[in-house]
Amino acid sequence: MYVIIVYDVEVERVARVCQYLRRHLHWVQNSAFEGEITPARLERVKAELRDLIDEKKDTVYLYILQDPHAVRREVLGREKGSTSTIV
């Protein structure tokens, strides 16, 4: 499956959330990640994100697509991250 995750977390948690997601997905924008992921790994990512964020103050959106070929991505302006390899 293909997933896009965007988040808005308080400043003291931004670095931890970003570093965690960089281990699993491609960083494409300041608070946006995307890439292919297995259902089991996605469940692990969601569980860990719940531990990293404050659910009363922070927000994480997950857009889950079953078919990665159904995603058409367009970039206007400078591309910040590459989806060629996961760091």
PDB file of N, CA and C in Angstrom:
ATOM      1  N   MET A   1       0.834  -1.168   0.000  1.00  0.00           N
ATOM      2  CA  MET A   1       0.000   0.000   0.000  1.00  0.00           C
ATOM      3  C   MET A   1       0.880   1.233   0.000  1.00  0.00           C
ATOM      4  N   TYR A   2       0.298   2.357  -0.364  1.00  0.00           N
ATOM      5  CA  TYR A   2       1.024   3.621  -0.426  1.00  0.00           C
ATOM      6  C   TYR A   2       0.407   4.552   0.599  1.00  0.00           C
ATOM      7  N   VAL A   3       1.232   5.257   1.348  1.00  0.00           N
ATOM      8  CA  VAL A   3       0.719   6.131   2.398  1.00  0.00           C
ATOM      9  C   VAL A   3       1.368   7.502   2.305  1.00  0.00           C
ATOM     10  N   ILE A   4       0.575   8.506   2.608  1.00  0.00           N
ATOM     11  CA  ILE A   4       1.055   9.877   2.741  1.00  0.00           C
ATOM     12  C   ILE A   4       0.718  10.292   4.161  1.00  0.00           C
ATOM     13  N   ILE A   5       1.729  10.762   4.883  1.00  0.00           N
ATOM     14  CA  ILE A   5       1.520  11.204   6.260  1.00  0.00           C
ATOM     15  C   ILE A   5       1.948  12.663   6.361  1.00  0.00           C
ATOM     16  N   VAL A   6       1.047  13.486   6.882  1.00  0.00           N
ATOM     17  CA  VAL A   6       1.355  14.886   7.152  1.00  0.00           C
ATOM     18  C   VAL A   6       1.027  15.148   8.615  1.00  0.00           C
ATOM     19  N   TYR A   7       1.792  16.020   9.230  1.00  0.00           N
ATOM     20  CA  TYR A   7       1.570  16.243  10.651  1.00  0.00           C
ATOM     21  C   TYR A   7       1.750  17.703  11.025  1.00  0.00           C
ATOM     22  N   ASP A   8       1.112  18.069  12.125  1.00  0.00           N
ATOM     23  CA  ASP A   8       1.253  19.381  12.737  1.00  0.00           C
ATOM     24  C   ASP A   8       1.385  19.116  14.231  1.00  0.00           C
ATOM     25  N   VAL A   9       2.616  19.149  14.726  1.00  0.00           N
ATOM     26  CA  VAL A   9       2.869  18.871  16.138  1.00  0.00           C
ATOM     27  C   VAL A   9       3.577  20.055  16.768  1.00  0.00           C
ATOM     28  N   GLU A  10       3.471  20.152  18.080  1.00  0.00           N
ATOM     29  CA  GLU A  10       4.117  21.258  18.769  1.00  0.00           C
ATOM     30  C   GLU A  10       5.634  21.171  18.603  1.00  0.00           C
ATOM     31  N   VAL A  11       6.268  22.324  18.643  1.00  0.00           N
ATOM     32  CA  VAL A  11       7.678  22.457  18.274  1.00  0.00           C
ATOM     33  C   VAL A  11       8.586  21.502  19.049  1.00  0.00           C
ATOM     34  N   GLU A  12       8.289  21.208  20.293  1.00  0.00           N
ATOM     35  CA  GLU A  12       9.179  20.335  21.060  1.00  0.00           C
ATOM     36  C   GLU A  12       9.133  18.886  20.615  1.00  0.00           C
ATOM     37  N   ARG A  13       8.158  18.517  19.766  1.00  0.00           N
ATOM     38  CA  ARG A  13       8.052  17.141  19.271  1.00  0.00           C
ATOM     39  C   ARG A  13       8.368  17.004  17.778  1.00  0.00           C
ATOM     40  N   VAL A  14       8.542  18.101  17.093  1.00  0.00           N
ATOM     41  CA  VAL A  14       8.757  18.071  15.640  1.00  0.00           C
ATOM     42  C   VAL A  14       9.963  17.210  15.261  1.00  0.00           C
ATOM     43  N   ALA A  15      11.088  17.406  15.884  1.00  0.00           N
ATOM     44  CA  ALA A  15      12.307  16.676  15.517  1.00  0.00           C
ATOM     45  C   ALA A  15      12.144  15.173  15.734  1.00  0.00           C
ATOM     46  N   ARG A  16      11.544  14.790  16.853  1.00  0.00           N
ATOM     47  CA  ARG A  16      11.368  13.352  17.125  1.00  0.00           C
ATOM     48  C   ARG A  16      10.440  12.697  16.115  1.00  0.00           C
ATOM     49  N   VAL A  17       9.331  13.362  15.785  1.00  0.00           N
ATOM     50  CA  VAL A  17       8.385  12.805  14.810  1.00  0.00           C
ATOM     51  C   VAL A  17       9.048  12.726  13.436  1.00  0.00           C
ATOM     52  N   CYS A  18       9.735  13.776  13.038  1.00  0.00           N
ATOM     53  CA  CYS A  18      10.408  13.791  11.737  1.00  0.00           C
ATOM     54  C   CYS A  18      11.462  12.689  11.643  1.00  0.00           C
ATOM     55  N   GLN A  19      12.309  12.575  12.640  1.00  0.00           N
ATOM     56  CA  GLN A  19      13.351  11.549  12.623  1.00  0.00           C
ATOM     57  C   GLN A  19      12.751  10.151  12.589  1.00  0.00           C
ATOM     58  N   TYR A  20      11.684   9.937  13.322  1.00  0.00           N
ATOM     59  CA  TYR A  20      11.044   8.626  13.323  1.00  0.00           C
ATOM     60  C   TYR A  20      10.494   8.286  11.938  1.00  0.00           C
ATOM     61  N   LEU A  21       9.751   9.221  11.337  1.00  0.00           N
ATOM     62  CA  LEU A  21       9.145   8.949  10.036  1.00  0.00           C
ATOM     63  C   LEU A  21      10.188   8.782   8.935  1.00  0.00           C
ATOM     64  N   ARG A  22      11.321   9.449   9.053  1.00  0.00           N
ATOM     65  CA  ARG A  22      12.382   9.312   8.039  1.00  0.00           C
ATOM     66  C   ARG A  22      12.925   7.887   7.976  1.00  0.00           C
ATOM     67  N   ARG A  23      12.769   7.117   9.028  1.00  0.00           N
ATOM     68  CA  ARG A  23      13.222   5.719   9.027  1.00  0.00           C
ATOM     69  C   ARG A  23      12.260   4.806   8.267  1.00  0.00           C
ATOM     70  N   HIS A  24      11.049   5.304   7.974  1.00  0.00           N
ATOM     71  CA  HIS A  24      10.035   4.445   7.383  1.00  0.00           C
ATOM     72  C   HIS A  24       9.514   4.906   6.024  1.00  0.00           C
ATOM     73  N   LEU A  25       9.576   6.212   5.769  1.00  0.00           N
ATOM     74  CA  LEU A  25       8.994   6.767   4.544  1.00  0.00           C
ATOM     75  C   LEU A  25       9.939   7.808   3.948  1.00  0.00           C
ATOM     76  N   HIS A  26       9.582   8.317   2.791  1.00  0.00           N
ATOM     77  CA  HIS A  26      10.362   9.351   2.117  1.00  0.00           C
ATOM     78  C   HIS A  26       9.908  10.726   2.605  1.00  0.00           C
ATOM     79  N   TRP A  27      10.850  11.536   3.013  1.00  0.00           N
ATOM     80  CA  TRP A  27      10.565  12.899   3.441  1.00  0.00           C
ATOM     81  C   TRP A  27      10.425  13.766   2.201  1.00  0.00           C
ATOM     82  N   VAL A  28       9.258  14.366   1.991  1.00  0.00           N
ATOM     83  CA  VAL A  28       9.032  15.142   0.776  1.00  0.00           C
ATOM     84  C   VAL A  28       8.767  16.624   1.036  1.00  0.00           C
ATOM     85  N   GLN A  29       8.506  16.974   2.284  1.00  0.00           N
ATOM     86  CA  GLN A  29       8.200  18.361   2.635  1.00  0.00           C
ATOM     87  C   GLN A  29       8.394  18.481   4.141  1.00  0.00           C
ATOM     88  N   ASN A  30       8.462  19.692   4.660  1.00  0.00           N
ATOM     89  CA  ASN A  30       8.767  19.871   6.081  1.00  0.00           C
ATOM     90  C   ASN A  30       7.988  18.933   7.003  1.00  0.00           C
ATOM     91  N   SER A  31       6.726  18.785   6.810  1.00  0.00           N
ATOM     92  CA  SER A  31       5.927  17.915   7.677  1.00  0.00           C
ATOM     93  C   SER A  31       5.156  16.883   6.867  1.00  0.00           C
ATOM     94  N   ALA A  32       5.755  16.401   5.790  1.00  0.00           N
ATOM     95  CA  ALA A  32       5.066  15.455   4.915  1.00  0.00           C
ATOM     96  C   ALA A  32       5.998  14.323   4.497  1.00  0.00           C
ATOM     97  N   PHE A  33       5.466  13.118   4.572  1.00  0.00           N
ATOM     98  CA  PHE A  33       6.192  11.903   4.202  1.00  0.00           C
ATOM     99  C   PHE A  33       5.295  11.056   3.324  1.00  0.00           C
ATOM    100  N   GLU A  34       5.904  10.234   2.463  1.00  0.00           N
ATOM    101  CA  GLU A  34       5.117   9.339   1.627  1.00  0.00           C
ATOM    102  C   GLU A  34       5.955   8.136   1.235  1.00  0.00           C
ATOM    103  N   GLY A  35       5.272   7.085   0.798  1.00  0.00           N
ATOM    104  CA  GLY A  35       5.970   5.910   0.309  1.00  0.00           C
ATOM    105  C   GLY A  35       5.161   4.638   0.477  1.00  0.00           C
ATOM    106  N   GLU A  36       5.722   3.568  -0.077  1.00  0.00           N
ATOM    107  CA  GLU A  36       5.095   2.258   0.046  1.00  0.00           C
ATOM    108  C   GLU A  36       5.444   1.658   1.401  1.00  0.00           C
ATOM    109  N   ILE A  37       4.477   0.951   1.964  1.00  0.00           N
ATOM    110  CA  ILE A  37       4.650   0.380   3.294  1.00  0.00           C
ATOM    111  C   ILE A  37       3.716  -0.820   3.433  1.00  0.00           C
ATOM    112  N   THR A  38       4.139  -1.814   4.166  1.00  0.00           N
ATOM    113  CA  THR A  38       3.272  -2.975   4.386  1.00  0.00           C
ATOM    114  C   THR A  38       2.223  -2.621   5.438  1.00  0.00           C
ATOM    115  N   PRO A  39       1.098  -3.325   5.425  1.00  0.00           N
ATOM    116  CA  PRO A  39       0.073  -3.066   6.445  1.00  0.00           C
ATOM    117  C   PRO A  39       0.598  -3.249   7.873  1.00  0.00           C
ATOM    118  N   ALA A  40       1.407  -4.270   8.101  1.00  0.00           N
ATOM    119  CA  ALA A  40       1.950  -4.504   9.444  1.00  0.00           C
ATOM    120  C   ALA A  40       2.870  -3.368   9.875  1.00  0.00           C
ATOM    121  N   ARG A  41       3.706  -2.915   8.965  1.00  0.00           N
ATOM    122  CA  ARG A  41       4.625  -1.823   9.290  1.00  0.00           C
ATOM    123  C   ARG A  41       3.854  -0.531   9.535  1.00  0.00           C
ATOM    124  N   LEU A  42       2.792  -0.310   8.774  1.00  0.00           N
ATOM    125  CA  LEU A  42       1.972   0.876   8.979  1.00  0.00           C
ATOM    126  C   LEU A  42       1.359   0.861  10.381  1.00  0.00           C
ATOM    127  N   GLU A  43       0.904  -0.272  10.822  1.00  0.00           N
ATOM    128  CA  GLU A  43       0.333  -0.373  12.164  1.00  0.00           C
ATOM    129  C   GLU A  43       1.387  -0.050  13.224  1.00  0.00           C
ATOM    130  N   ARG A  44       2.614  -0.506  13.004  1.00  0.00           N
ATOM    131  CA  ARG A  44       3.711  -0.189  13.923  1.00  0.00           C
ATOM    132  C   ARG A  44       3.999   1.309  13.939  1.00  0.00           C
ATOM    133  N   VAL A  45       4.017   1.917  12.748  1.00  0.00           N
ATOM    134  CA  VAL A  45       4.264   3.354  12.638  1.00  0.00           C
ATOM    135  C   VAL A  45       3.176   4.129  13.376  1.00  0.00           C
ATOM    136  N   LYS A  46       1.923   3.749  13.187  1.00  0.00           N
ATOM    137  CA  LYS A  46       0.825   4.437  13.858  1.00  0.00           C
ATOM    138  C   LYS A  46       0.932   4.296  15.373  1.00  0.00           C
ATOM    139  N   ALA A  47       1.275   3.116  15.850  1.00  0.00           N
ATOM    140  CA  ALA A  47       1.411   2.906  17.294  1.00  0.00           C
ATOM    141  C   ALA A  47       2.535   3.766  17.863  1.00  0.00           C
ATOM    142  N   GLU A  48       3.650   3.817  17.173  1.00  0.00           N
ATOM    143  CA  GLU A  48       4.780   4.613  17.647  1.00  0.00           C
ATOM    144  C   GLU A  48       4.457   6.103  17.588  1.00  0.00           C
ATOM    145  N   LEU A  49       3.760   6.540  16.542  1.00  0.00           N
ATOM    146  CA  LEU A  49       3.370   7.947  16.463  1.00  0.00           C
ATOM    147  C   LEU A  49       2.462   8.330  17.629  1.00  0.00           C
ATOM    148  N   ARG A  50       1.569   7.428  18.006  1.00  0.00           N
ATOM    149  CA  ARG A  50       0.700   7.706  19.156  1.00  0.00           C
ATOM    150  C   ARG A  50       1.530   7.942  20.424  1.00  0.00           C
ATOM    151  N   ASP A  51       2.651   7.227  20.541  1.00  0.00           N
ATOM    152  CA  ASP A  51       3.532   7.411  21.698  1.00  0.00           C
ATOM    153  C   ASP A  51       4.339   8.711  21.612  1.00  0.00           C
ATOM    154  N   LEU A  52       4.622   9.172  20.409  1.00  0.00           N
ATOM    155  CA  LEU A  52       5.449  10.360  20.223  1.00  0.00           C
ATOM    156  C   LEU A  52       4.676  11.673  20.322  1.00  0.00           C
ATOM    157  N   ILE A  53       3.399  11.648  19.993  1.00  0.00           N
ATOM    158  CA  ILE A  53       2.628  12.893  19.947  1.00  0.00           C
ATOM    159  C   ILE A  53       1.763  13.048  21.195  1.00  0.00           C
ATOM    160  N   ASP A  54       1.254  14.241  21.363  1.00  0.00           N
ATOM    161  CA  ASP A  54       0.246  14.534  22.377  1.00  0.00           C
ATOM    162  C   ASP A  54      -1.078  14.643  21.611  1.00  0.00           C
ATOM    163  N   GLU A  55      -1.927  13.645  21.735  1.00  0.00           N
ATOM    164  CA  GLU A  55      -3.154  13.597  20.933  1.00  0.00           C
ATOM    165  C   GLU A  55      -4.124  14.732  21.243  1.00  0.00           C
ATOM    166  N   LYS A  56      -3.919  15.443  22.342  1.00  0.00           N
ATOM    167  CA  LYS A  56      -4.775  16.587  22.670  1.00  0.00           C
ATOM    168  C   LYS A  56      -4.307  17.868  21.989  1.00  0.00           C
ATOM    169  N   LYS A  57      -3.028  17.889  21.553  1.00  0.00           N
ATOM    170  CA  LYS A  57      -2.465  19.104  20.970  1.00  0.00           C
ATOM    171  C   LYS A  57      -1.980  18.931  19.529  1.00  0.00           C
ATOM    172  N   ASP A  58      -1.615  17.724  19.134  1.00  0.00           N
ATOM    173  CA  ASP A  58      -0.996  17.471  17.834  1.00  0.00           C
ATOM    174  C   ASP A  58      -1.967  16.777  16.882  1.00  0.00           C
ATOM    175  N   THR A  59      -1.640  16.853  15.594  1.00  0.00           N
ATOM    176  CA  THR A  59      -2.458  16.209  14.570  1.00  0.00           C
ATOM    177  C   THR A  59      -1.564  15.490  13.578  1.00  0.00           C
ATOM    178  N   VAL A  60      -1.957  14.258  13.230  1.00  0.00           N
ATOM    179  CA  VAL A  60      -1.279  13.496  12.182  1.00  0.00           C
ATOM    180  C   VAL A  60      -2.356  12.979  11.237  1.00  0.00           C
ATOM    181  N   TYR A  61      -2.228  13.280   9.947  1.00  0.00           N
ATOM    182  CA  TYR A  61      -3.146  12.776   8.935  1.00  0.00           C
ATOM    183  C   TYR A  61      -2.451  11.669   8.155  1.00  0.00           C
ATOM    184  N   LEU A  62      -3.165  10.574   7.936  1.00  0.00           N
ATOM    185  CA  LEU A  62      -2.653   9.465   7.126  1.00  0.00           C
ATOM    186  C   LEU A  62      -3.597   9.278   5.947  1.00  0.00           C
ATOM    187  N   TYR A  63      -3.065   9.359   4.746  1.00  0.00           N
ATOM    188  CA  TYR A  63      -3.814   9.094   3.528  1.00  0.00           C
ATOM    189  C   TYR A  63      -3.315   7.752   3.007  1.00  0.00           C
ATOM    190  N   ILE A  64      -4.187   6.755   3.010  1.00  0.00           N
ATOM    191  CA  ILE A  64      -3.785   5.396   2.690  1.00  0.00           C
ATOM    192  C   ILE A  64      -4.416   4.980   1.369  1.00  0.00           C
ATOM    193  N   LEU A  65      -3.555   4.593   0.418  1.00  0.00           N
ATOM    194  CA  LEU A  65      -4.022   4.151  -0.893  1.00  0.00           C
ATOM    195  C   LEU A  65      -3.620   2.693  -1.071  1.00  0.00           C
ATOM    196  N   GLN A  66      -4.533   1.877  -1.481  1.00  0.00           N
ATOM    197  CA  GLN A  66      -4.249   0.454  -1.657  1.00  0.00           C
ATOM    198  C   GLN A  66      -3.348   0.193  -2.863  1.00  0.00           C
ATOM    199  N   ASP A  67      -3.462   1.029  -3.890  1.00  0.00           N
ATOM    200  CA  ASP A  67      -2.698   0.826  -5.114  1.00  0.00           C
ATOM    201  C   ASP A  67      -1.705   1.971  -5.313  1.00  0.00           C
ATOM    202  N   PRO A  68      -0.411   1.723  -5.153  1.00  0.00           N
ATOM    203  CA  PRO A  68       0.566   2.807  -5.309  1.00  0.00           C
ATOM    204  C   PRO A  68       0.605   3.386  -6.715  1.00  0.00           C
ATOM    205  N   HIS A  69       0.105   2.650  -7.686  1.00  0.00           N
ATOM    206  CA  HIS A  69       0.098   3.148  -9.060  1.00  0.00           C
ATOM    207  C   HIS A  69      -1.034   4.142  -9.300  1.00  0.00           C
ATOM    208  N   ALA A  70      -1.936   4.257  -8.324  1.00  0.00           N
ATOM    209  CA  ALA A  70      -3.049   5.195  -8.452  1.00  0.00           C
ATOM    210  C   ALA A  70      -2.642   6.610  -8.043  1.00  0.00           C
ATOM    211  N   VAL A  71      -1.436   6.773  -7.548  1.00  0.00           N
ATOM    212  CA  VAL A  71      -0.964   8.078  -7.090  1.00  0.00           C
ATOM    213  C   VAL A  71      -0.254   8.789  -8.233  1.00  0.00           C
ATOM    214  N   ARG A  72      -0.696   9.973  -8.526  1.00  0.00           N
ATOM    215  CA  ARG A  72       0.006  10.824  -9.481  1.00  0.00           C
ATOM    216  C   ARG A  72       0.489  12.035  -8.712  1.00  0.00           C
ATOM    217  N   ARG A  73       1.771  12.230  -8.687  1.00  0.00           N
ATOM    218  CA  ARG A  73       2.372  13.289  -7.876  1.00  0.00           C
ATOM    219  C   ARG A  73       2.919  14.374  -8.782  1.00  0.00           C
ATOM    220  N   GLU A  74       2.541  15.608  -8.491  1.00  0.00           N
ATOM    221  CA  GLU A  74       3.070  16.761  -9.204  1.00  0.00           C
ATOM    222  C   GLU A  74       3.701  17.702  -8.197  1.00  0.00           C
ATOM    223  N   VAL A  75       4.807  18.299  -8.573  1.00  0.00           N
ATOM    224  CA  VAL A  75       5.499  19.237  -7.687  1.00  0.00           C
ATOM    225  C   VAL A  75       5.587  20.579  -8.393  1.00  0.00           C
ATOM    226  N   LEU A  76       5.146  21.615  -7.723  1.00  0.00           N
ATOM    227  CA  LEU A  76       5.305  22.981  -8.211  1.00  0.00           C
ATOM    228  C   LEU A  76       6.392  23.623  -7.372  1.00  0.00           C
ATOM    229  N   GLY A  77       7.392  24.177  -8.005  1.00  0.00           N
ATOM    230  CA  GLY A  77       8.492  24.771  -7.259  1.00  0.00           C
ATOM    231  C   GLY A  77       9.575  23.751  -6.965  1.00  0.00           C
ATOM    232  N   ARG A  78      10.422  24.084  -6.011  1.00  0.00           N
ATOM    233  CA  ARG A  78      11.580  23.255  -5.665  1.00  0.00           C
ATOM    234  C   ARG A  78      11.143  22.026  -4.882  1.00  0.00           C
ATOM    235  N   GLU A  79      11.607  20.865  -5.318  1.00  0.00           N
ATOM    236  CA  GLU A  79      11.309  19.621  -4.614  1.00  0.00           C
ATOM    237  C   GLU A  79      12.265  19.492  -3.433  1.00  0.00           C
ATOM    238  N   LYS A  80      11.723  19.321  -2.224  1.00  0.00           N
ATOM    239  CA  LYS A  80      12.555  19.287  -1.023  1.00  0.00           C
ATOM    240  C   LYS A  80      13.118  17.920  -0.728  1.00  0.00           C
ATOM    241  N   GLY A  81      12.355  16.882  -0.983  1.00  0.00           N
ATOM    242  CA  GLY A  81      12.813  15.529  -0.678  1.00  0.00           C
ATOM    243  C   GLY A  81      12.698  14.646  -1.895  1.00  0.00           C
ATOM    244  N   SER A  82      13.469  13.587  -1.906  1.00  0.00           N
ATOM    245  CA  SER A  82      13.432  12.636  -3.007  1.00  0.00           C
ATOM    246  C   SER A  82      12.743  11.369  -2.547  1.00  0.00           C
ATOM    247  N   THR A  83      12.012  10.736  -3.443  1.00  0.00           N
ATOM    248  CA  THR A  83      11.373   9.466  -3.088  1.00  0.00           C
ATOM    249  C   THR A  83      12.147   8.295  -3.668  1.00  0.00           C
ATOM    250  N   SER A  84      13.413   8.531  -4.042  1.00  0.00           N
ATOM    251  CA  SER A  84      14.175   7.453  -4.649  1.00  0.00           C
ATOM    252  C   SER A  84      14.729   6.465  -3.627  1.00  0.00           C
ATOM    253  N   THR A  85      15.106   6.949  -2.446  1.00  0.00           N
ATOM    254  CA  THR A  85      15.618   6.061  -1.408  1.00  0.00           C
ATOM    255  C   THR A  85      15.184   6.548  -0.042  1.00  0.00           C
ATOM    256  N   ILE A  86      15.047   5.629   0.871  1.00  0.00           N
ATOM    257  CA  ILE A  86      14.717   5.993   2.237  1.00  0.00           C
ATOM    258  C   ILE A  86      16.012   6.170   3.005  1.00  0.00           C
ATOM    259  N   VAL A  87      16.112   7.266   3.743  1.00  0.00           N
ATOM    260  CA  VAL A  87      17.308   7.568   4.532  1.00  0.00           C
ATOM    261  C   VAL A  87      17.275   6.789   5.817  1.00  0.00           C
TER     262      VAL A  87
END
